[in-house]
Amino acid sequence: MSLTINVRETADATILDMSGRVSLGEALAELRDSIREALAGDQKNILLNLAEVSHIDSSGLGQLIGSYATVTERGGQMKLLNLQKRVNDLMQVTKLLTVFETYTNEEAALRSFGKKK
């Protein structure tokens, strides 16, 4: 199963609804390009909705970290929404939950972009 990405724009963030597997290959290029396109506009905040993502491999984790760095460098924030148990466990084992803010509620996630740390 490949990765499909549906892009939605809100006042607070660009939401990428992702479905499939984030793994080595075309999926990573698609994710990278979708984030770059979102940053090319006025919106600097990205919310990755991973509700339909069943698997992330090490290359996928690398892409998430690289994208996080890119978004942060440009003054934006990147947050994760609706992690499935398997993906959440992976993020916990790799200690990436200390890097990414994660949410289970889209409204709460979008509101969080308005708050500056």
PDB file of N, CA and C in Angstrom:
ATOM      1  N   MET A   1       0.847  -1.189   0.000  1.00  0.00           N
ATOM      2  CA  MET A   1       0.000   0.000   0.000  1.00  0.00           C
ATOM      3  C   MET A   1       0.887   1.246   0.000  1.00  0.00           C
ATOM      4  N   SER A   2       0.686   2.086  -0.957  1.00  0.00           N
ATOM      5  CA  SER A   2       1.495   3.298  -1.042  1.00  0.00           C
ATOM      6  C   SER A   2       0.885   4.393  -0.176  1.00  0.00           C
ATOM      7  N   LEU A   3       1.514   5.531  -0.189  1.00  0.00           N
ATOM      8  CA  LEU A   3       1.067   6.663   0.620  1.00  0.00           C
ATOM      9  C   LEU A   3       0.218   7.606  -0.225  1.00  0.00           C
ATOM     10  N   THR A   4      -0.915   8.012   0.315  1.00  0.00           N
ATOM     11  CA  THR A   4      -1.707   9.060  -0.327  1.00  0.00           C
ATOM     12  C   THR A   4      -1.814  10.211   0.671  1.00  0.00           C
ATOM     13  N   ILE A   5      -1.778  11.421   0.122  1.00  0.00           N
ATOM     14  CA  ILE A   5      -1.819  12.615   0.963  1.00  0.00           C
ATOM     15  C   ILE A   5      -2.895  13.553   0.440  1.00  0.00           C
ATOM     16  N   ASN A   6      -3.797  13.937   1.311  1.00  0.00           N
ATOM     17  CA  ASN A   6      -4.831  14.908   0.985  1.00  0.00           C
ATOM     18  C   ASN A   6      -4.524  16.179   1.782  1.00  0.00           C
ATOM     19  N   VAL A   7      -4.432  17.306   1.089  1.00  0.00           N
ATOM     20  CA  VAL A   7      -4.049  18.565   1.739  1.00  0.00           C
ATOM     21  C   VAL A   7      -5.288  19.414   2.008  1.00  0.00           C
ATOM     22  N   ARG A   8      -5.389  19.874   3.250  1.00  0.00           N
ATOM     23  CA  ARG A   8      -6.465  20.795   3.638  1.00  0.00           C
ATOM     24  C   ARG A   8      -5.841  22.036   4.253  1.00  0.00           C
ATOM     25  N   GLU A   9      -6.408  23.180   3.936  1.00  0.00           N
ATOM     26  CA  GLU A   9      -5.918  24.458   4.485  1.00  0.00           C
ATOM     27  C   GLU A   9      -6.897  24.969   5.537  1.00  0.00           C
ATOM     28  N   THR A  10      -6.360  25.419   6.670  1.00  0.00           N
ATOM     29  CA  THR A  10      -7.174  26.103   7.674  1.00  0.00           C
ATOM     30  C   THR A  10      -6.471  27.417   8.008  1.00  0.00           C
ATOM     31  N   ALA A  11      -7.103  28.221   8.834  1.00  0.00           N
ATOM     32  CA  ALA A  11      -6.491  29.496   9.217  1.00  0.00           C
ATOM     33  C   ALA A  11      -5.227  29.274  10.053  1.00  0.00           C
ATOM     34  N   ASP A  12      -5.194  28.174  10.816  1.00  0.00           N
ATOM     35  CA  ASP A  12      -4.087  27.936  11.740  1.00  0.00           C
ATOM     36  C   ASP A  12      -2.960  27.088  11.170  1.00  0.00           C
ATOM     37  N   ALA A  13      -3.278  26.204  10.210  1.00  0.00           N
ATOM     38  CA  ALA A  13      -2.260  25.269   9.723  1.00  0.00           C
ATOM     39  C   ALA A  13      -2.701  24.620   8.419  1.00  0.00           C
ATOM     40  N   THR A  14      -1.734  24.056   7.726  1.00  0.00           N
ATOM     41  CA  THR A  14      -2.014  23.180   6.593  1.00  0.00           C
ATOM     42  C   THR A  14      -2.052  21.764   7.153  1.00  0.00           C
ATOM     43  N   ILE A  15      -3.150  21.057   6.876  1.00  0.00           N
ATOM     44  CA  ILE A  15      -3.311  19.701   7.378  1.00  0.00           C
ATOM     45  C   ILE A  15      -3.041  18.730   6.237  1.00  0.00           C
ATOM     46  N   LEU A  16      -2.150  17.777   6.485  1.00  0.00           N
ATOM     47  CA  LEU A  16      -1.882  16.721   5.517  1.00  0.00           C
ATOM     48  C   LEU A  16      -2.505  15.443   6.060  1.00  0.00           C
ATOM     49  N   ASP A  17      -3.617  15.020   5.461  1.00  0.00           N
ATOM     50  CA  ASP A  17      -4.262  13.764   5.834  1.00  0.00           C
ATOM     51  C   ASP A  17      -3.551  12.654   5.071  1.00  0.00           C
ATOM     52  N   MET A  18      -2.831  11.826   5.803  1.00  0.00           N
ATOM     53  CA  MET A  18      -2.006  10.796   5.173  1.00  0.00           C
ATOM     54  C   MET A  18      -2.632   9.423   5.362  1.00  0.00           C
ATOM     55  N   SER A  19      -2.476   8.579   4.345  1.00  0.00           N
ATOM     56  CA  SER A  19      -3.022   7.235   4.395  1.00  0.00           C
ATOM     57  C   SER A  19      -2.050   6.277   3.728  1.00  0.00           C
ATOM     58  N   GLY A  20      -1.756   5.170   4.410  1.00  0.00           N
ATOM     59  CA  GLY A  20      -0.864   4.173   3.836  1.00  0.00           C
ATOM     60  C   GLY A  20       0.384   3.986   4.668  1.00  0.00           C
ATOM     61  N   ARG A  21       1.512   3.801   3.978  1.00  0.00           N
ATOM     62  CA  ARG A  21       2.788   3.526   4.640  1.00  0.00           C
ATOM     63  C   ARG A  21       3.793   4.625   4.327  1.00  0.00           C
ATOM     64  N   VAL A  22       4.465   5.107   5.361  1.00  0.00           N
ATOM     65  CA  VAL A  22       5.531   6.098   5.179  1.00  0.00           C
ATOM     66  C   VAL A  22       6.831   5.299   5.188  1.00  0.00           C
ATOM     67  N   SER A  23       7.285   4.948   3.978  1.00  0.00           N
ATOM     68  CA  SER A  23       8.463   4.096   3.876  1.00  0.00           C
ATOM     69  C   SER A  23       9.301   4.488   2.667  1.00  0.00           C
ATOM     70  N   LEU A  24      10.485   3.910   2.605  1.00  0.00           N
ATOM     71  CA  LEU A  24      11.444   4.218   1.558  1.00  0.00           C
ATOM     72  C   LEU A  24      10.802   4.133   0.181  1.00  0.00           C
ATOM     73  N   GLY A  25      11.083   5.116  -0.651  1.00  0.00           N
ATOM     74  CA  GLY A  25      10.555   5.106  -2.013  1.00  0.00           C
ATOM     75  C   GLY A  25       9.784   6.373  -2.331  1.00  0.00           C
ATOM     76  N   GLU A  26       8.817   6.225  -3.220  1.00  0.00           N
ATOM     77  CA  GLU A  26       8.038   7.375  -3.686  1.00  0.00           C
ATOM     78  C   GLU A  26       7.281   8.072  -2.567  1.00  0.00           C
ATOM     79  N   ALA A  27       6.871   7.313  -1.545  1.00  0.00           N
ATOM     80  CA  ALA A  27       6.103   7.895  -0.435  1.00  0.00           C
ATOM     81  C   ALA A  27       6.869   9.032   0.227  1.00  0.00           C
ATOM     82  N   LEU A  28       8.166   8.854   0.399  1.00  0.00           N
ATOM     83  CA  LEU A  28       8.957   9.894   1.067  1.00  0.00           C
ATOM     84  C   LEU A  28       9.068  11.140   0.206  1.00  0.00           C
ATOM     85  N   ALA A  29       9.239  10.953  -1.091  1.00  0.00           N
ATOM     86  CA  ALA A  29       9.312  12.101  -2.001  1.00  0.00           C
ATOM     87  C   ALA A  29       7.984  12.853  -1.994  1.00  0.00           C
ATOM     88  N   GLU A  30       6.894  12.098  -1.964  1.00  0.00           N
ATOM     89  CA  GLU A  30       5.570  12.724  -1.951  1.00  0.00           C
ATOM     90  C   GLU A  30       5.354  13.521  -0.673  1.00  0.00           C
ATOM     91  N   LEU A  31       5.763  12.958   0.451  1.00  0.00           N
ATOM     92  CA  LEU A  31       5.635  13.659   1.731  1.00  0.00           C
ATOM     93  C   LEU A  31       6.492  14.917   1.738  1.00  0.00           C
ATOM     94  N   ARG A  32       7.737  14.790   1.332  1.00  0.00           N
ATOM     95  CA  ARG A  32       8.655  15.938   1.287  1.00  0.00           C
ATOM     96  C   ARG A  32       8.093  17.039   0.383  1.00  0.00           C
ATOM     97  N   ASP A  33       7.611  16.660  -0.798  1.00  0.00           N
ATOM     98  CA  ASP A  33       7.082  17.646  -1.741  1.00  0.00           C
ATOM     99  C   ASP A  33       5.821  18.321  -1.198  1.00  0.00           C
ATOM    100  N   SER A  34       4.958  17.551  -0.541  1.00  0.00           N
ATOM    101  CA  SER A  34       3.725  18.126   0.019  1.00  0.00           C
ATOM    102  C   SER A  34       4.051  19.154   1.094  1.00  0.00           C
ATOM    103  N   ILE A  35       5.043  18.868   1.915  1.00  0.00           N
ATOM    104  CA  ILE A  35       5.435  19.817   2.967  1.00  0.00           C
ATOM    105  C   ILE A  35       6.086  21.048   2.346  1.00  0.00           C
ATOM    106  N   ARG A  36       6.920  20.847   1.352  1.00  0.00           N
ATOM    107  CA  ARG A  36       7.545  22.002   0.675  1.00  0.00           C
ATOM    108  C   ARG A  36       6.499  22.899   0.023  1.00  0.00           C
ATOM    109  N   GLU A  37       5.513  22.287  -0.628  1.00  0.00           N
ATOM    110  CA  GLU A  37       4.447  23.076  -1.258  1.00  0.00           C
ATOM    111  C   GLU A  37       3.670  23.868  -0.218  1.00  0.00           C
ATOM    112  N   ALA A  38       3.391  23.233   0.916  1.00  0.00           N
ATOM    113  CA  ALA A  38       2.664  23.928   1.986  1.00  0.00           C
ATOM    114  C   ALA A  38       3.472  25.118   2.496  1.00  0.00           C
ATOM    115  N   LEU A  39       4.781  24.933   2.649  1.00  0.00           N
ATOM    116  CA  LEU A  39       5.639  26.018   3.144  1.00  0.00           C
ATOM    117  C   LEU A  39       5.838  27.120   2.107  1.00  0.00           C
ATOM    118  N   ALA A  40       5.646  26.786   0.835  1.00  0.00           N
ATOM    119  CA  ALA A  40       5.816  27.780  -0.222  1.00  0.00           C
ATOM    120  C   ALA A  40       4.721  28.844  -0.162  1.00  0.00           C
ATOM    121  N   GLY A  41       3.582  28.498   0.421  1.00  0.00           N
ATOM    122  CA  GLY A  41       2.495  29.456   0.579  1.00  0.00           C
ATOM    123  C   GLY A  41       2.713  30.317   1.813  1.00  0.00           C
ATOM    124  N   ASP A  42       1.643  30.944   2.273  1.00  0.00           N
ATOM    125  CA  ASP A  42       1.733  31.805   3.444  1.00  0.00           C
ATOM    126  C   ASP A  42       1.762  31.019   4.752  1.00  0.00           C
ATOM    127  N   GLN A  43       1.260  29.795   4.724  1.00  0.00           N
ATOM    128  CA  GLN A  43       1.134  29.007   5.944  1.00  0.00           C
ATOM    129  C   GLN A  43       2.455  28.319   6.296  1.00  0.00           C
ATOM    130  N   LYS A  44       2.902  28.498   7.530  1.00  0.00           N
ATOM    131  CA  LYS A  44       4.156  27.891   7.979  1.00  0.00           C
ATOM    132  C   LYS A  44       3.929  26.735   8.943  1.00  0.00           C
ATOM    133  N   ASN A  45       2.691  26.555   9.397  1.00  0.00           N
ATOM    134  CA  ASN A  45       2.381  25.492  10.347  1.00  0.00           C
ATOM    135  C   ASN A  45       1.805  24.279   9.622  1.00  0.00           C
ATOM    136  N   ILE A  46       2.309  23.092   9.999  1.00  0.00           N
ATOM    137  CA  ILE A  46       1.913  21.850   9.352  1.00  0.00           C
ATOM    138  C   ILE A  46       1.387  20.881  10.412  1.00  0.00           C
ATOM    139  N   LEU A  47       0.240  20.280  10.137  1.00  0.00           N
ATOM    140  CA  LEU A  47      -0.321  19.241  10.998  1.00  0.00           C
ATOM    141  C   LEU A  47      -0.421  17.966  10.174  1.00  0.00           C
ATOM    142  N   LEU A  48       0.312  16.945  10.578  1.00  0.00           N
ATOM    143  CA  LEU A  48       0.276  15.660   9.879  1.00  0.00           C
ATOM    144  C   LEU A  48      -0.745  14.760  10.557  1.00  0.00           C
ATOM    145  N   ASN A  49      -1.833  14.454   9.852  1.00  0.00           N
ATOM    146  CA  ASN A  49      -2.859  13.557  10.372  1.00  0.00           C
ATOM    147  C   ASN A  49      -2.489  12.129   9.971  1.00  0.00           C
ATOM    148  N   LEU A  50      -2.036  11.349  10.951  1.00  0.00           N
ATOM    149  CA  LEU A  50      -1.541  10.000  10.691  1.00  0.00           C
ATOM    150  C   LEU A  50      -2.562   8.924  11.036  1.00  0.00           C
ATOM    151  N   ALA A  51      -3.839   9.279  11.102  1.00  0.00           N
ATOM    152  CA  ALA A  51      -4.885   8.326  11.493  1.00  0.00           C
ATOM    153  C   ALA A  51      -4.910   7.091  10.595  1.00  0.00           C
ATOM    154  N   GLU A  52      -4.596   7.256   9.323  1.00  0.00           N
ATOM    155  CA  GLU A  52      -4.653   6.139   8.374  1.00  0.00           C
ATOM    156  C   GLU A  52      -3.268   5.612   8.003  1.00  0.00           C
ATOM    157  N   VAL A  53      -2.240   6.014   8.751  1.00  0.00           N
ATOM    158  CA  VAL A  53      -0.876   5.534   8.481  1.00  0.00           C
ATOM    159  C   VAL A  53      -0.630   4.291   9.333  1.00  0.00           C
ATOM    160  N   SER A  54      -0.400   3.169   8.653  1.00  0.00           N
ATOM    161  CA  SER A  54      -0.254   1.897   9.352  1.00  0.00           C
ATOM    162  C   SER A  54       1.196   1.565   9.695  1.00  0.00           C
ATOM    163  N   HIS A  55       2.145   2.189   9.012  1.00  0.00           N
ATOM    164  CA  HIS A  55       3.544   1.801   9.179  1.00  0.00           C
ATOM    165  C   HIS A  55       4.464   2.970   8.822  1.00  0.00           C
ATOM    166  N   ILE A  56       5.514   3.140   9.612  1.00  0.00           N
ATOM    167  CA  ILE A  56       6.575   4.095   9.285  1.00  0.00           C
ATOM    168  C   ILE A  56       7.885   3.350   9.476  1.00  0.00           C
ATOM    169  N   ASP A  57       8.732   3.326   8.429  1.00  0.00           N
ATOM    170  CA  ASP A  57      10.032   2.665   8.575  1.00  0.00           C
ATOM    171  C   ASP A  57      11.093   3.699   8.950  1.00  0.00           C
ATOM    172  N   SER A  58      12.340   3.248   9.068  1.00  0.00           N
ATOM    173  CA  SER A  58      13.406   4.152   9.505  1.00  0.00           C
ATOM    174  C   SER A  58      13.595   5.310   8.533  1.00  0.00           C
ATOM    175  N   SER A  59      13.418   5.063   7.243  1.00  0.00           N
ATOM    176  CA  SER A  59      13.518   6.149   6.263  1.00  0.00           C
ATOM    177  C   SER A  59      12.386   7.151   6.457  1.00  0.00           C
ATOM    178  N   GLY A  60      11.212   6.634   6.776  1.00  0.00           N
ATOM    179  CA  GLY A  60      10.067   7.507   7.053  1.00  0.00           C
ATOM    180  C   GLY A  60      10.300   8.372   8.271  1.00  0.00           C
ATOM    181  N   LEU A  61      10.886   7.778   9.314  1.00  0.00           N
ATOM    182  CA  LEU A  61      11.223   8.560  10.516  1.00  0.00           C
ATOM    183  C   LEU A  61      12.229   9.648  10.170  1.00  0.00           C
ATOM    184  N   GLY A  62      13.213   9.290   9.355  1.00  0.00           N
ATOM    185  CA  GLY A  62      14.208  10.279   8.921  1.00  0.00           C
ATOM    186  C   GLY A  62      13.567  11.434   8.183  1.00  0.00           C
ATOM    187  N   GLN A  63      12.587  11.106   7.321  1.00  0.00           N
ATOM    188  CA  GLN A  63      11.890  12.161   6.570  1.00  0.00           C
ATOM    189  C   GLN A  63      11.082  13.049   7.502  1.00  0.00           C
ATOM    190  N   LEU A  64      10.429  12.454   8.492  1.00  0.00           N
ATOM    191  CA  LEU A  64       9.661  13.253   9.460  1.00  0.00           C
ATOM    192  C   LEU A  64      10.580  14.214  10.214  1.00  0.00           C
ATOM    193  N   ILE A  65      11.737  13.717  10.626  1.00  0.00           N
ATOM    194  CA  ILE A  65      12.690  14.556  11.356  1.00  0.00           C
ATOM    195  C   ILE A  65      13.221  15.670  10.451  1.00  0.00           C
ATOM    196  N   GLY A  66      13.566  15.323   9.212  1.00  0.00           N
ATOM    197  CA  GLY A  66      14.048  16.327   8.261  1.00  0.00           C
ATOM    198  C   GLY A  66      12.997  17.386   7.982  1.00  0.00           C
ATOM    199  N   SER A  67      11.755  16.948   7.819  1.00  0.00           N
ATOM    200  CA  SER A  67      10.659  17.893   7.570  1.00  0.00           C
ATOM    201  C   SER A  67      10.431  18.787   8.774  1.00  0.00           C
ATOM    202  N   TYR A  68      10.524  18.214   9.962  1.00  0.00           N
ATOM    203  CA  TYR A  68      10.372  18.985  11.198  1.00  0.00           C
ATOM    204  C   TYR A  68      11.432  20.084  11.250  1.00  0.00           C
ATOM    205  N   ALA A  69      12.664  19.722  10.918  1.00  0.00           N
ATOM    206  CA  ALA A  69      13.760  20.701  10.921  1.00  0.00           C
ATOM    207  C   ALA A  69      13.516  21.807   9.904  1.00  0.00           C
ATOM    208  N   THR A  70      13.058  21.431   8.716  1.00  0.00           N
ATOM    209  CA  THR A  70      12.787  22.409   7.661  1.00  0.00           C
ATOM    210  C   THR A  70      11.688  23.387   8.085  1.00  0.00           C
ATOM    211  N   VAL A  71      10.602  22.852   8.626  1.00  0.00           N
ATOM    212  CA  VAL A  71       9.475  23.687   9.062  1.00  0.00           C
ATOM    213  C   VAL A  71       9.921  24.634  10.176  1.00  0.00           C
ATOM    214  N   THR A  72      10.685  24.111  11.132  1.00  0.00           N
ATOM    215  CA  THR A  72      11.159  24.913  12.259  1.00  0.00           C
ATOM    216  C   THR A  72      12.100  26.023  11.793  1.00  0.00           C
ATOM    217  N   GLU A  73      12.998  25.690  10.859  1.00  0.00           N
ATOM    218  CA  GLU A  73      13.933  26.690  10.319  1.00  0.00           C
ATOM    219  C   GLU A  73      13.192  27.850   9.667  1.00  0.00           C
ATOM    220  N   ARG A  74      12.039  27.566   9.101  1.00  0.00           N
ATOM    221  CA  ARG A  74      11.264  28.610   8.413  1.00  0.00           C
ATOM    222  C   ARG A  74      10.282  29.311   9.339  1.00  0.00           C
ATOM    223  N   GLY A  75      10.428  29.057  10.629  1.00  0.00           N
ATOM    224  CA  GLY A  75       9.602  29.759  11.607  1.00  0.00           C
ATOM    225  C   GLY A  75       8.247  29.141  11.853  1.00  0.00           C
ATOM    226  N   GLY A  76       8.040  27.923  11.385  1.00  0.00           N
ATOM    227  CA  GLY A  76       6.756  27.262  11.570  1.00  0.00           C
ATOM    228  C   GLY A  76       6.825  26.178  12.619  1.00  0.00           C
ATOM    229  N   GLN A  77       5.722  25.472  12.757  1.00  0.00           N
ATOM    230  CA  GLN A  77       5.641  24.351  13.682  1.00  0.00           C
ATOM    231  C   GLN A  77       5.049  23.159  12.939  1.00  0.00           C
ATOM    232  N   MET A  78       5.530  21.958  13.269  1.00  0.00           N
ATOM    233  CA  MET A  78       4.971  20.738  12.695  1.00  0.00           C
ATOM    234  C   MET A  78       4.552  19.835  13.839  1.00  0.00           C
ATOM    235  N   LYS A  79       3.294  19.404  13.808  1.00  0.00           N
ATOM    236  CA  LYS A  79       2.752  18.571  14.874  1.00  0.00           C
ATOM    237  C   LYS A  79       2.069  17.348  14.259  1.00  0.00           C
ATOM    238  N   LEU A  80       1.878  16.336  15.091  1.00  0.00           N
ATOM    239  CA  LEU A  80       1.303  15.074  14.635  1.00  0.00           C
ATOM    240  C   LEU A  80      -0.066  14.855  15.265  1.00  0.00           C
ATOM    241  N   LEU A  81      -0.964  14.251  14.479  1.00  0.00           N
ATOM    242  CA  LEU A  81      -2.338  14.024  14.917  1.00  0.00           C
ATOM    243  C   LEU A  81      -2.719  12.565  14.693  1.00  0.00           C
ATOM    244  N   ASN A  82      -3.440  11.995  15.660  1.00  0.00           N
ATOM    245  CA  ASN A  82      -4.047  10.666  15.513  1.00  0.00           C
ATOM    246  C   ASN A  82      -3.069   9.552  15.168  1.00  0.00           C
ATOM    247  N   LEU A  83      -2.063   9.370  15.994  1.00  0.00           N
ATOM    248  CA  LEU A  83      -1.123   8.272  15.769  1.00  0.00           C
ATOM    249  C   LEU A  83      -1.776   6.937  16.127  1.00  0.00           C
ATOM    250  N   GLN A  84      -1.676   5.963  15.202  1.00  0.00           N
ATOM    251  CA  GLN A  84      -2.141   4.611  15.512  1.00  0.00           C
ATOM    252  C   GLN A  84      -1.202   4.016  16.553  1.00  0.00           C
ATOM    253  N   LYS A  85      -1.661   2.989  17.265  1.00  0.00           N
ATOM    254  CA  LYS A  85      -0.876   2.408  18.353  1.00  0.00           C
ATOM    255  C   LYS A  85       0.518   1.998  17.885  1.00  0.00           C
ATOM    256  N   ARG A  86       0.601   1.342  16.753  1.00  0.00           N
ATOM    257  CA  ARG A  86       1.901   0.867  16.256  1.00  0.00           C
ATOM    258  C   ARG A  86       2.857   2.033  15.994  1.00  0.00           C
ATOM    259  N   VAL A  87       2.336   3.087  15.388  1.00  0.00           N
ATOM    260  CA  VAL A  87       3.157   4.262  15.093  1.00  0.00           C
ATOM    261  C   VAL A  87       3.509   4.986  16.391  1.00  0.00           C
ATOM    262  N   ASN A  88       2.557   5.094  17.309  1.00  0.00           N
ATOM    263  CA  ASN A  88       2.819   5.739  18.600  1.00  0.00           C
ATOM    264  C   ASN A  88       3.908   4.988  19.364  1.00  0.00           C
ATOM    265  N   ASP A  89       3.824   3.657  19.358  1.00  0.00           N
ATOM    266  CA  ASP A  89       4.845   2.846  20.033  1.00  0.00           C
ATOM    267  C   ASP A  89       6.223   3.096  19.423  1.00  0.00           C
ATOM    268  N   LEU A  90       6.287   3.164  18.115  1.00  0.00           N
ATOM    269  CA  LEU A  90       7.550   3.432  17.421  1.00  0.00           C
ATOM    270  C   LEU A  90       8.107   4.796  17.827  1.00  0.00           C
ATOM    271  N   MET A  91       7.241   5.797  17.876  1.00  0.00           N
ATOM    272  CA  MET A  91       7.671   7.141  18.255  1.00  0.00           C
ATOM    273  C   MET A  91       8.162   7.164  19.707  1.00  0.00           C
ATOM    274  N   GLN A  92       7.553   6.330  20.544  1.00  0.00           N
ATOM    275  CA  GLN A  92       7.954   6.278  21.946  1.00  0.00           C
ATOM    276  C   GLN A  92       9.317   5.595  22.090  1.00  0.00           C
ATOM    277  N   VAL A  93       9.502   4.468  21.409  1.00  0.00           N
ATOM    278  CA  VAL A  93      10.760   3.721  21.484  1.00  0.00           C
ATOM    279  C   VAL A  93      11.926   4.563  20.980  1.00  0.00           C
ATOM    280  N   THR A  94      11.689   5.334  19.929  1.00  0.00           N
ATOM    281  CA  THR A  94      12.758   6.153  19.336  1.00  0.00           C
ATOM    282  C   THR A  94      12.905   7.509  20.030  1.00  0.00           C
ATOM    283  N   LYS A  95      12.092   7.740  21.063  1.00  0.00           N
ATOM    284  CA  LYS A  95      12.116   8.988  21.838  1.00  0.00           C
ATOM    285  C   LYS A  95      11.674  10.209  21.015  1.00  0.00           C
ATOM    286  N   LEU A  96      11.034   9.963  19.871  1.00  0.00           N
ATOM    287  CA  LEU A  96      10.588  11.092  19.046  1.00  0.00           C
ATOM    288  C   LEU A  96       9.344  11.768  19.616  1.00  0.00           C
ATOM    289  N   LEU A  97       8.686  11.127  20.572  1.00  0.00           N
ATOM    290  CA  LEU A  97       7.558  11.789  21.224  1.00  0.00           C
ATOM    291  C   LEU A  97       8.028  12.975  22.061  1.00  0.00           C
ATOM    292  N   THR A  98       9.337  13.021  22.352  1.00  0.00           N
ATOM    293  CA  THR A  98       9.871  14.180  23.071  1.00  0.00           C
ATOM    294  C   THR A  98      10.147  15.332  22.108  1.00  0.00           C
ATOM    295  N   VAL A  99      10.168  15.039  20.813  1.00  0.00           N
ATOM    296  CA  VAL A  99      10.426  16.061  19.785  1.00  0.00           C
ATOM    297  C   VAL A  99       9.112  16.613  19.237  1.00  0.00           C
ATOM    298  N   PHE A 100       8.226  15.715  18.864  1.00  0.00           N
ATOM    299  CA  PHE A 100       6.960  16.113  18.232  1.00  0.00           C
ATOM    300  C   PHE A 100       5.859  16.288  19.261  1.00  0.00           C
ATOM    301  N   GLU A 101       5.057  17.333  19.076  1.00  0.00           N
ATOM    302  CA  GLU A 101       3.828  17.455  19.845  1.00  0.00           C
ATOM    303  C   GLU A 101       2.807  16.578  19.137  1.00  0.00           C
ATOM    304  N   THR A 102       2.093  15.740  19.893  1.00  0.00           N
ATOM    305  CA  THR A 102       1.086  14.866  19.301  1.00  0.00           C
ATOM    306  C   THR A 102      -0.278  15.140  19.911  1.00  0.00           C
ATOM    307  N   TYR A 103      -1.304  14.944  19.104  1.00  0.00           N
ATOM    308  CA  TYR A 103      -2.682  15.212  19.523  1.00  0.00           C
ATOM    309  C   TYR A 103      -3.596  14.103  19.029  1.00  0.00           C
ATOM    310  N   THR A 104      -4.711  13.921  19.738  1.00  0.00           N
ATOM    311  CA  THR A 104      -5.727  12.976  19.304  1.00  0.00           C
ATOM    312  C   THR A 104      -6.990  13.709  18.862  1.00  0.00           C
ATOM    313  N   ASN A 105      -6.989  15.030  18.993  1.00  0.00           N
ATOM    314  CA  ASN A 105      -8.147  15.842  18.651  1.00  0.00           C
ATOM    315  C   ASN A 105      -7.704  16.956  17.697  1.00  0.00           C
ATOM    316  N   GLU A 106      -8.325  17.009  16.524  1.00  0.00           N
ATOM    317  CA  GLU A 106      -7.904  17.986  15.513  1.00  0.00           C
ATOM    318  C   GLU A 106      -8.104  19.421  15.974  1.00  0.00           C
ATOM    319  N   GLU A 107      -9.225  19.705  16.635  1.00  0.00           N
ATOM    320  CA  GLU A 107      -9.472  21.077  17.105  1.00  0.00           C
ATOM    321  C   GLU A 107      -8.408  21.530  18.096  1.00  0.00           C
ATOM    322  N   ALA A 108      -8.075  20.650  19.042  1.00  0.00           N
ATOM    323  CA  ALA A 108      -7.054  20.988  20.039  1.00  0.00           C
ATOM    324  C   ALA A 108      -5.702  21.205  19.361  1.00  0.00           C
ATOM    325  N   ALA A 109      -5.397  20.369  18.388  1.00  0.00           N
ATOM    326  CA  ALA A 109      -4.125  20.507  17.663  1.00  0.00           C
ATOM    327  C   ALA A 109      -4.073  21.843  16.937  1.00  0.00           C
ATOM    328  N   LEU A 110      -5.142  22.211  16.262  1.00  0.00           N
ATOM    329  CA  LEU A 110      -5.166  23.481  15.535  1.00  0.00           C
ATOM    330  C   LEU A 110      -5.083  24.671  16.490  1.00  0.00           C
ATOM    331  N   ARG A 111      -5.771  24.587  17.623  1.00  0.00           N
ATOM    332  CA  ARG A 111      -5.699  25.676  18.617  1.00  0.00           C
ATOM    333  C   ARG A 111      -4.272  25.843  19.143  1.00  0.00           C
ATOM    334  N   SER A 112      -3.553  24.736  19.252  1.00  0.00           N
ATOM    335  CA  SER A 112      -2.194  24.788  19.820  1.00  0.00           C
ATOM    336  C   SER A 112      -1.230  25.625  18.962  1.00  0.00           C
ATOM    337  N   PHE A 113      -1.533  25.764  17.676  1.00  0.00           N
ATOM    338  CA  PHE A 113      -0.653  26.562  16.814  1.00  0.00           C
ATOM    339  C   PHE A 113      -0.719  28.041  17.166  1.00  0.00           C
ATOM    340  N   GLY A 114      -1.818  28.471  17.736  1.00  0.00           N
ATOM    341  CA  GLY A 114      -1.963  29.869  18.115  1.00  0.00           C
ATOM    342  C   GLY A 114      -1.154  30.245  19.346  1.00  0.00           C
ATOM    343  N   LYS A 115      -0.797  29.226  20.127  1.00  0.00           N
ATOM    344  CA  LYS A 115      -0.048  29.472  21.359  1.00  0.00           C
ATOM    345  C   LYS A 115       1.443  29.434  21.081  1.00  0.00           C
ATOM    346  N   LYS A 116       2.127  30.459  21.475  1.00  0.00           N
ATOM    347  CA  LYS A 116       3.600  30.483  21.334  1.00  0.00           C
ATOM    348  C   LYS A 116       4.214  29.914  22.589  1.00  0.00           C
ATOM    349  N   LYS A 117       5.269  29.145  22.416  1.00  0.00           N
ATOM    350  CA  LYS A 117       5.951  28.570  23.581  1.00  0.00           C
ATOM    351  C   LYS A 117       6.776  29.625  24.271  1.00  0.00           C
TER     352      LYS A 117
END
